[in-house]
């Protein structure tokens, strides 16, 4: 997990840059390619699918409370509508609320 404190300490402007600096392996699929399943890492904000890795560039650092990585099994169990299609996992961003 990447905490708010870590996010602020990087001085980076968006989620992609933060992850690239602190947890670069999250940006690269860990599985072998399959003909039946995607090998990309997907991005979710508060359990809503945002898109692929490049969508992280549109999430500003100031809007993030925390970031965590879910492997394929965790993503399948915890995120809606995934099934077995996202074998590389998911990056889940928790957005800051007005009180954060």
Protein backbone atom coordinates (compact mmCIF):
# COMPACT_ATOMS: atom_id res chain seq x y z
CA UNK A 1 0.00 0.00 0.00
CA UNK A 2 1.06 3.57 -0.65
CA UNK A 3 -0.14 5.93 2.07
CA UNK A 4 -1.11 9.59 1.88
CA UNK A 5 2.13 10.49 3.67
CA UNK A 6 4.19 8.65 1.04
CA UNK A 7 2.22 10.33 -1.74
CA UNK A 8 2.91 13.79 -0.32
CA UNK A 9 6.60 13.00 0.22
CA UNK A 10 7.14 12.21 -3.48
CA UNK A 11 6.08 15.64 -4.68
CA UNK A 12 4.73 13.94 -7.82
CA UNK A 13 1.68 15.25 -9.67
CA UNK A 14 -0.28 12.13 -10.60
CA UNK A 15 -0.85 8.51 -9.62
CA UNK A 16 1.31 7.10 -12.45
CA UNK A 17 4.33 9.14 -11.37
CA UNK A 18 3.82 8.20 -7.71
CA UNK A 19 3.64 4.48 -8.46
CA UNK A 20 6.52 4.69 -10.93
CA UNK A 21 8.70 6.14 -8.16
CA UNK A 22 7.53 4.07 -5.17
CA UNK A 23 6.27 0.71 -6.56
CA UNK A 24 7.33 0.43 -10.24
CA UNK A 25 6.62 -3.33 -10.37
CA UNK A 26 2.90 -2.56 -9.99
CA UNK A 27 2.98 -1.10 -13.51
CA UNK A 28 4.18 -4.33 -15.14
CA UNK A 29 2.12 -7.52 -15.45
CA UNK A 30 3.54 -10.44 -13.49
CA UNK A 31 1.86 -13.24 -15.43
CA UNK A 32 2.50 -14.96 -18.72
CA UNK A 33 0.28 -14.01 -21.61
CA UNK A 34 -2.85 -16.08 -22.14
CA UNK A 35 -5.01 -16.25 -25.26
CA UNK A 36 -8.18 -16.20 -23.16
CA UNK A 37 -7.33 -13.58 -20.55
CA UNK A 38 -6.02 -10.04 -20.40
CA UNK A 39 -2.55 -9.58 -18.99
CA UNK A 40 -2.92 -5.89 -18.27
CA UNK A 41 -3.18 -4.27 -14.87
CA UNK A 42 -6.47 -2.40 -14.49
CA UNK A 43 -7.10 0.72 -12.44
CA UNK A 44 -10.01 1.27 -10.08
CA UNK A 45 -10.97 4.33 -8.05
CA UNK A 46 -13.16 3.49 -5.07
CA UNK A 47 -14.19 0.17 -6.72
CA UNK A 48 -15.15 1.83 -10.04
CA UNK A 49 -13.14 0.77 -13.07
CA UNK A 50 -11.19 3.69 -14.48
CA UNK A 51 -9.24 1.95 -17.24
CA UNK A 52 -5.72 0.71 -17.88
CA UNK A 53 -2.35 1.83 -16.56
CA UNK A 54 -2.32 5.04 -18.62
CA UNK A 55 -5.49 6.22 -16.84
CA UNK A 56 -3.31 6.72 -13.73
CA UNK A 57 -1.89 9.84 -15.39
CA UNK A 58 -5.30 11.52 -15.05
CA UNK A 59 -5.56 10.98 -11.29
CA UNK A 60 -4.04 13.93 -9.46
CA UNK A 61 -1.92 13.32 -6.37
CA UNK A 62 -4.02 15.67 -4.27
CA UNK A 63 -7.14 13.55 -4.92
CA UNK A 64 -5.61 10.31 -3.56
CA UNK A 65 -5.89 9.00 0.02
CA UNK A 66 -4.07 5.71 -0.69
CA UNK A 67 -3.11 3.28 -3.45
CA UNK A 68 -2.92 -0.50 -3.22
CA UNK A 69 -2.15 -3.35 -5.58
CA UNK A 70 -4.30 -6.48 -5.79
CA UNK A 71 -2.95 -9.59 -7.44
CA UNK A 72 -5.22 -11.57 -9.77
CA UNK A 73 -6.83 -13.65 -7.01
CA UNK A 74 -7.43 -10.64 -4.75
CA UNK A 75 -8.84 -8.56 -7.61
CA UNK A 76 -11.21 -11.34 -8.62
CA UNK A 77 -12.48 -11.72 -5.06
CA UNK A 78 -12.72 -8.03 -4.14
CA UNK A 79 -13.67 -6.05 -7.23
CA UNK A 80 -17.05 -6.12 -8.99
CA UNK A 81 -17.43 -7.81 -12.37
CA UNK A 82 -13.87 -8.98 -12.80
CA UNK A 83 -14.28 -12.72 -13.06
CA UNK A 84 -11.03 -14.21 -14.33
CA UNK A 85 -10.35 -11.70 -17.11
CA UNK A 86 -7.72 -9.55 -15.35
CA UNK A 87 -5.01 -12.03 -14.60
CA UNK A 88 -2.35 -9.37 -13.96
CA UNK A 89 -4.23 -7.72 -11.09
CA UNK A 90 -5.51 -4.25 -10.30
CA UNK A 91 -4.37 -0.97 -8.82
CA UNK A 92 -7.02 0.40 -6.48
CA UNK A 93 -7.01 4.08 -5.56
CA UNK A 94 -8.95 5.29 -2.55
CA UNK A 95 -10.00 8.88 -3.21
CA UNK A 96 -9.70 11.56 -0.57
CA UNK A 97 -12.91 12.84 0.91
CA UNK A 98 -13.61 16.43 1.88
CA UNK A 99 -12.38 15.71 5.40
CA UNK A 100 -9.04 14.13 4.43
